[in-house]
């Protein structure tokens, strides 16, 4: 749940990720603002 670069909570990917534990971690560590990793291009198209 924590970003490996900044040690803050990564953004939620789904609605199910919004939990009380996540909210507590965000208040303790903050929310990650690092750029998301780039997805590899799909060259099969």
PDB file of N, CA and C in Angstrom:
ATOM      1  N   UNK A   1       0.813  -1.181   0.000  1.00  0.00           N
ATOM      2  CA  UNK A   1       0.000   0.000   0.000  1.00  0.00           C
ATOM      3  C   UNK A   1       0.866   1.258   0.000  1.00  0.00           C
ATOM      4  N   UNK A   2       2.108   1.157   0.475  1.00  0.00           N
ATOM      5  CA  UNK A   2       2.990   2.324   0.495  1.00  0.00           C
ATOM      6  C   UNK A   2       3.857   2.360  -0.763  1.00  0.00           C
ATOM      7  N   UNK A   3       4.094   3.555  -1.259  1.00  0.00           N
ATOM      8  CA  UNK A   3       4.951   3.763  -2.427  1.00  0.00           C
ATOM      9  C   UNK A   3       6.397   3.442  -2.053  1.00  0.00           C
ATOM     10  N   UNK A   4       7.095   2.780  -2.923  1.00  0.00           N
ATOM     11  CA  UNK A   4       8.487   2.430  -2.660  1.00  0.00           C
ATOM     12  C   UNK A   4       9.426   3.631  -2.814  1.00  0.00           C
ATOM     13  N   UNK A   5       8.977   4.664  -3.524  1.00  0.00           N
ATOM     14  CA  UNK A   5       9.818   5.850  -3.724  1.00  0.00           C
ATOM     15  C   UNK A   5       9.716   6.846  -2.575  1.00  0.00           C
ATOM     16  N   UNK A   6       8.498   7.170  -2.168  1.00  0.00           N
ATOM     17  CA  UNK A   6       8.311   8.238  -1.183  1.00  0.00           C
ATOM     18  C   UNK A   6       7.772   7.749   0.166  1.00  0.00           C
ATOM     19  N   UNK A   7       7.448   6.466   0.265  1.00  0.00           N
ATOM     20  CA  UNK A   7       6.920   5.866   1.503  1.00  0.00           C
ATOM     21  C   UNK A   7       5.594   6.481   1.947  1.00  0.00           C
ATOM     22  N   UNK A   8       4.811   6.950   0.991  1.00  0.00           N
ATOM     23  CA  UNK A   8       3.468   7.452   1.265  1.00  0.00           C
ATOM     24  C   UNK A   8       2.453   6.472   0.681  1.00  0.00           C
ATOM     25  N   UNK A   9       1.194   6.650   1.018  1.00  0.00           N
ATOM     26  CA  UNK A   9       0.137   5.748   0.563  1.00  0.00           C
ATOM     27  C   UNK A   9      -0.156   5.999  -0.911  1.00  0.00           C
ATOM     28  N   UNK A  10      -0.110   4.922  -1.697  1.00  0.00           N
ATOM     29  CA  UNK A  10      -0.419   5.035  -3.125  1.00  0.00           C
ATOM     30  C   UNK A  10      -1.913   5.282  -3.322  1.00  0.00           C
ATOM     31  N   UNK A  11      -2.306   5.949  -4.407  1.00  0.00           N
ATOM     32  CA  UNK A  11      -3.729   6.179  -4.683  1.00  0.00           C
ATOM     33  C   UNK A  11      -4.479   4.859  -4.843  1.00  0.00           C
ATOM     34  N   UNK A  12      -5.739   4.868  -4.453  1.00  0.00           N
ATOM     35  CA  UNK A  12      -6.579   3.680  -4.562  1.00  0.00           C
ATOM     36  C   UNK A  12      -6.873   3.386  -6.031  1.00  0.00           C
ATOM     37  N   UNK A  13      -6.936   2.099  -6.350  1.00  0.00           N
ATOM     38  CA  UNK A  13      -7.243   1.689  -7.716  1.00  0.00           C
ATOM     39  C   UNK A  13      -8.726   1.367  -7.901  1.00  0.00           C
ATOM     40  N   UNK A  14      -9.382   0.941  -6.824  1.00  0.00           N
ATOM     41  CA  UNK A  14     -10.809   0.610  -6.890  1.00  0.00           C
ATOM     42  C   UNK A  14     -11.520   1.185  -5.677  1.00  0.00           C
ATOM     43  N   UNK A  15     -12.847   1.185  -5.736  1.00  0.00           N
ATOM     44  CA  UNK A  15     -13.631   1.669  -4.601  1.00  0.00           C
ATOM     45  C   UNK A  15     -13.418   0.806  -3.369  1.00  0.00           C
ATOM     46  N   UNK A  16     -13.134  -0.471  -3.555  1.00  0.00           N
ATOM     47  CA  UNK A  16     -12.927  -1.387  -2.430  1.00  0.00           C
ATOM     48  C   UNK A  16     -11.654  -1.051  -1.658  1.00  0.00           C
ATOM     49  N   UNK A  17     -10.747  -0.307  -2.264  1.00  0.00           N
ATOM     50  CA  UNK A  17      -9.495   0.069  -1.609  1.00  0.00           C
ATOM     51  C   UNK A  17      -9.685   1.157  -0.554  1.00  0.00           C
ATOM     52  N   UNK A  18     -10.827   1.857  -0.578  1.00  0.00           N
ATOM     53  CA  UNK A  18     -11.071   2.919   0.397  1.00  0.00           C
ATOM     54  C   UNK A  18     -11.514   2.293   1.716  1.00  0.00           C
ATOM     55  N   UNK A  19     -10.592   2.179   2.653  1.00  0.00           N
ATOM     56  CA  UNK A  19     -10.868   1.565   3.947  1.00  0.00           C
ATOM     57  C   UNK A  19     -10.453   2.512   5.064  1.00  0.00           C
ATOM     58  N   UNK A  20     -10.882   2.193   6.274  1.00  0.00           N
ATOM     59  CA  UNK A  20     -10.484   2.990   7.432  1.00  0.00           C
ATOM     60  C   UNK A  20      -8.976   2.897   7.645  1.00  0.00           C
ATOM     61  N   UNK A  21      -8.409   1.721   7.397  1.00  0.00           N
ATOM     62  CA  UNK A  21      -6.954   1.560   7.542  1.00  0.00           C
ATOM     63  C   UNK A  21      -6.210   2.460   6.564  1.00  0.00           C
ATOM     64  N   UNK A  22      -6.683   2.536   5.320  1.00  0.00           N
ATOM     65  CA  UNK A  22      -6.055   3.400   4.310  1.00  0.00           C
ATOM     66  C   UNK A  22      -6.136   4.867   4.749  1.00  0.00           C
ATOM     67  N   UNK A  23      -7.286   5.281   5.260  1.00  0.00           N
ATOM     68  CA  UNK A  23      -7.450   6.658   5.721  1.00  0.00           C
ATOM     69  C   UNK A  23      -6.485   6.971   6.866  1.00  0.00           C
ATOM     70  N   UNK A  24      -6.325   6.030   7.787  1.00  0.00           N
ATOM     71  CA  UNK A  24      -5.407   6.231   8.902  1.00  0.00           C
ATOM     72  C   UNK A  24      -3.969   6.363   8.407  1.00  0.00           C
ATOM     73  N   UNK A  25      -3.580   5.501   7.449  1.00  0.00           N
ATOM     74  CA  UNK A  25      -2.224   5.568   6.896  1.00  0.00           C
ATOM     75  C   UNK A  25      -1.986   6.877   6.151  1.00  0.00           C
ATOM     76  N   UNK A  26      -3.008   7.372   5.463  1.00  0.00           N
ATOM     77  CA  UNK A  26      -2.858   8.643   4.745  1.00  0.00           C
ATOM     78  C   UNK A  26      -2.646   9.778   5.730  1.00  0.00           C
ATOM     79  N   UNK A  27      -3.351   9.756   6.867  1.00  0.00           N
ATOM     80  CA  UNK A  27      -3.158  10.824   7.852  1.00  0.00           C
ATOM     81  C   UNK A  27      -1.781  10.735   8.504  1.00  0.00           C
ATOM     82  N   UNK A  28      -1.237   9.521   8.623  1.00  0.00           N
ATOM     83  CA  UNK A  28       0.080   9.355   9.234  1.00  0.00           C
ATOM     84  C   UNK A  28       1.222   9.633   8.261  1.00  0.00           C
ATOM     85  N   UNK A  29       1.101   9.158   7.022  1.00  0.00           N
ATOM     86  CA  UNK A  29       2.208   9.214   6.065  1.00  0.00           C
ATOM     87  C   UNK A  29       1.991  10.195   4.918  1.00  0.00           C
ATOM     88  N   UNK A  30       0.745  10.525   4.621  1.00  0.00           N
ATOM     89  CA  UNK A  30       0.441  11.377   3.484  1.00  0.00           C
ATOM     90  C   UNK A  30       0.128  10.547   2.250  1.00  0.00           C
ATOM     91  N   UNK A  31      -0.346  11.211   1.220  1.00  0.00           N
ATOM     92  CA  UNK A  31      -0.727  10.549  -0.020  1.00  0.00           C
ATOM     93  C   UNK A  31       0.380  10.709  -1.054  1.00  0.00           C
ATOM     94  N   UNK A  32       0.707   9.634  -1.738  1.00  0.00           N
ATOM     95  CA  UNK A  32       1.750   9.626  -2.759  1.00  0.00           C
ATOM     96  C   UNK A  32       1.341  10.515  -3.935  1.00  0.00           C
ATOM     97  N   UNK A  33       2.266  11.311  -4.398  1.00  0.00           N
ATOM     98  CA  UNK A  33       2.025  12.141  -5.582  1.00  0.00           C
ATOM     99  C   UNK A  33       3.047  11.825  -6.676  1.00  0.00           C
ATOM    100  N   UNK A  34       3.731  10.700  -6.539  1.00  0.00           N
ATOM    101  CA  UNK A  34       4.687  10.280  -7.569  1.00  0.00           C
ATOM    102  C   UNK A  34       3.927   9.937  -8.855  1.00  0.00           C
ATOM    103  N   UNK A  35       4.583  10.102  -9.978  1.00  0.00           N
ATOM    104  CA  UNK A  35       3.974   9.737 -11.249  1.00  0.00           C
ATOM    105  C   UNK A  35       3.773   8.226 -11.297  1.00  0.00           C
ATOM    106  N   UNK A  36       2.617   7.771 -11.794  1.00  0.00           N
ATOM    107  CA  UNK A  36       2.405   6.330 -11.885  1.00  0.00           C
ATOM    108  C   UNK A  36       3.397   5.710 -12.866  1.00  0.00           C
ATOM    109  N   UNK A  37       3.772   4.456 -12.649  1.00  0.00           N
ATOM    110  CA  UNK A  37       4.708   3.820 -13.579  1.00  0.00           C
ATOM    111  C   UNK A  37       4.092   3.703 -14.962  1.00  0.00           C
ATOM    112  N   UNK A  38       4.916   3.894 -15.972  1.00  0.00           N
ATOM    113  CA  UNK A  38       4.419   3.802 -17.343  1.00  0.00           C
ATOM    114  C   UNK A  38       4.144   2.352 -17.691  1.00  0.00           C
ATOM    115  N   UNK A  39       3.037   2.131 -18.384  1.00  0.00           N
ATOM    116  CA  UNK A  39       2.705   0.793 -18.835  1.00  0.00           C
ATOM    117  C   UNK A  39       3.499   0.483 -20.100  1.00  0.00           C
ATOM    118  N   UNK A  40       3.983  -0.721 -20.228  1.00  0.00           N
ATOM    119  CA  UNK A  40       4.696  -1.063 -21.465  1.00  0.00           C
ATOM    120  C   UNK A  40       3.735  -1.029 -22.642  1.00  0.00           C
ATOM    121  N   UNK A  41       4.215  -0.537 -23.761  1.00  0.00           N
ATOM    122  CA  UNK A  41       3.379  -0.489 -24.963  1.00  0.00           C
ATOM    123  C   UNK A  41       3.055  -1.886 -25.425  1.00  0.00           C
ATOM    124  N   UNK A  42       1.826  -2.070 -25.846  1.00  0.00           N
ATOM    125  CA  UNK A  42       1.402  -3.368 -26.361  1.00  0.00           C
ATOM    126  C   UNK A  42       1.693  -3.390 -27.855  1.00  0.00           C
ATOM    127  N   UNK A  43       2.748  -4.065 -28.255  1.00  0.00           N
ATOM    128  CA  UNK A  43       3.176  -4.077 -29.653  1.00  0.00           C
ATOM    129  C   UNK A  43       2.460  -5.141 -30.467  1.00  0.00           C
ATOM    130  N   UNK A  44       1.501  -5.845 -29.840  1.00  0.00           N
ATOM    131  CA  UNK A  44       0.783  -6.904 -30.567  1.00  0.00           C
ATOM    132  C   UNK A  44      -0.322  -6.354 -31.430  1.00  0.00           C
ATOM    133  N   UNK A  45      -0.610  -5.089 -31.355  1.00  0.00           N
ATOM    134  CA  UNK A  45      -1.719  -4.516 -32.145  1.00  0.00           C
ATOM    135  C   UNK A  45      -1.382  -4.450 -33.588  1.00  0.00           C
TER     136      UNK A  45
END
